[in-house]
């Protein structure tokens, strides 16, 4: 059985990235190249996410993500706070899991509203 960290890396991180990419594309009308730069990813990876080439497990996790958290994270990213990507991943992961992640202490509660 996979540990909580393995599940987070395999399912939650991609789901959060997908949600952020969709928010940046639809709400802020950002181009793939801009999104890639903001998230520290390649344009090809952004294209993969936008074209829906994701596992059903990742899609299922993405549907469970609180949209208000994603909206706050996307807004902060647009405003130039690239650190929000990691904070957002931690916040969403902690809301979806209860395995006691030690990384969550790095994500201050005030960062996501």
Protein backbone atom coordinates (compact mmCIF):
# COMPACT_ATOMS: atom_id res chain seq x y z
CA UNK A 1 0.00 0.00 0.00
CA UNK A 2 1.30 3.45 -0.91
CA UNK A 3 2.20 5.88 1.84
CA UNK A 4 0.40 9.20 2.15
CA UNK A 5 3.40 10.96 0.67
CA UNK A 6 3.42 8.65 -2.35
CA UNK A 7 -0.29 9.21 -2.90
CA UNK A 8 0.20 12.95 -2.59
CA UNK A 9 2.98 12.92 -5.16
CA UNK A 10 1.16 10.63 -7.56
CA UNK A 11 -2.38 12.02 -7.29
CA UNK A 12 -2.75 15.19 -5.25
CA UNK A 13 0.11 17.28 -6.64
CA UNK A 14 -0.98 16.67 -10.26
CA UNK A 15 -4.61 17.38 -9.31
CA UNK A 16 -3.69 20.71 -7.68
CA UNK A 17 -1.54 21.66 -10.66
CA UNK A 18 -4.43 20.79 -12.98
CA UNK A 19 -6.85 22.91 -10.96
CA UNK A 20 -4.42 25.84 -10.88
CA UNK A 21 -3.70 25.57 -14.59
CA UNK A 22 -7.42 25.56 -15.39
CA UNK A 23 -8.01 28.57 -13.13
CA UNK A 24 -5.13 30.54 -14.64
CA UNK A 25 -6.27 29.69 -18.16
CA UNK A 26 -9.99 30.32 -17.76
CA UNK A 27 -10.25 32.98 -15.07
CA UNK A 28 -7.14 34.98 -15.95
CA UNK A 29 -6.92 34.12 -19.66
CA UNK A 30 -3.24 33.21 -19.38
CA UNK A 31 -1.40 31.55 -22.26
CA UNK A 32 0.31 28.20 -21.77
CA UNK A 33 3.74 29.84 -21.83
CA UNK A 34 2.74 32.30 -19.10
CA UNK A 35 1.26 29.55 -16.95
CA UNK A 36 4.40 27.45 -17.39
CA UNK A 37 6.58 30.35 -16.27
CA UNK A 38 4.38 31.10 -13.24
CA UNK A 39 4.23 27.48 -12.10
CA UNK A 40 7.83 26.58 -12.93
CA UNK A 41 6.79 23.95 -15.46
CA UNK A 42 7.32 23.44 -19.16
CA UNK A 43 4.83 24.57 -21.78
CA UNK A 44 4.56 20.92 -22.89
CA UNK A 45 3.50 19.89 -19.38
CA UNK A 46 0.89 22.64 -19.29
CA UNK A 47 -0.42 21.47 -22.66
CA UNK A 48 -0.65 17.90 -21.34
CA UNK A 49 -2.75 19.06 -18.41
CA UNK A 50 -5.01 21.26 -20.54
CA UNK A 51 -5.56 18.47 -23.05
CA UNK A 52 -6.79 16.26 -20.24
CA UNK A 53 -4.13 13.56 -20.41
CA UNK A 54 -4.53 12.65 -16.75
CA UNK A 55 -5.37 9.46 -14.93
CA UNK A 56 -8.87 8.94 -13.60
CA UNK A 57 -7.45 8.98 -10.05
CA UNK A 58 -6.01 12.47 -10.61
CA UNK A 59 -9.32 13.64 -12.11
CA UNK A 60 -11.23 12.23 -9.13
CA UNK A 61 -8.97 14.09 -6.69
CA UNK A 62 -9.26 17.29 -8.72
CA UNK A 63 -13.05 17.15 -8.45
CA UNK A 64 -12.75 17.06 -4.64
CA UNK A 65 -10.58 20.17 -4.37
CA UNK A 66 -12.10 23.21 -2.71
CA UNK A 67 -12.39 25.83 -5.48
CA UNK A 68 -12.02 28.76 -3.10
CA UNK A 69 -8.54 27.56 -2.14
CA UNK A 70 -7.58 27.30 -5.82
CA UNK A 71 -9.03 30.75 -6.53
CA UNK A 72 -7.01 32.34 -3.72
CA UNK A 73 -3.86 30.55 -4.86
CA UNK A 74 -4.36 31.55 -8.50
CA UNK A 75 -4.94 35.17 -7.51
CA UNK A 76 -1.75 35.20 -5.44
CA UNK A 77 0.21 33.62 -8.30
CA UNK A 78 -1.10 36.29 -10.69
CA UNK A 79 -0.01 38.94 -8.20
CA UNK A 80 3.53 37.55 -8.36
CA UNK A 81 3.69 35.23 -5.35
CA UNK A 82 5.17 32.08 -6.88
CA UNK A 83 5.56 30.54 -3.44
CA UNK A 84 1.79 30.05 -3.47
CA UNK A 85 2.13 26.96 -5.65
CA UNK A 86 3.78 25.01 -2.83
CA UNK A 87 1.50 26.52 -0.21
CA UNK A 88 -1.55 25.62 -2.26
CA UNK A 89 -0.39 22.04 -2.74
CA UNK A 90 0.15 21.69 1.02
CA UNK A 91 -3.22 23.22 1.93
CA UNK A 92 -5.19 21.09 -0.51
CA UNK A 93 -3.28 17.95 0.44
CA UNK A 94 -3.94 18.53 4.13
CA UNK A 95 -7.65 19.02 3.48
CA UNK A 96 -7.83 15.76 1.51
CA UNK A 97 -5.63 13.61 3.76
CA UNK A 98 -5.03 13.02 7.42
CA UNK A 99 -1.64 11.32 7.41
CA UNK A 100 0.02 14.10 9.40
CA UNK A 101 2.24 15.65 6.79
CA UNK A 102 5.28 17.30 8.32
CA UNK A 103 5.57 19.70 5.38
CA UNK A 104 2.30 21.44 6.28
CA UNK A 105 4.08 23.53 8.89
CA UNK A 106 5.78 25.33 6.00
CA UNK A 107 2.43 26.59 4.68
CA UNK A 108 1.08 29.34 6.97
CA UNK A 109 -2.70 29.32 7.42
CA UNK A 110 -3.00 32.99 6.47
CA UNK A 111 -1.52 32.31 3.01
CA UNK A 112 -4.75 30.85 1.65
CA UNK A 113 -7.22 33.14 3.31
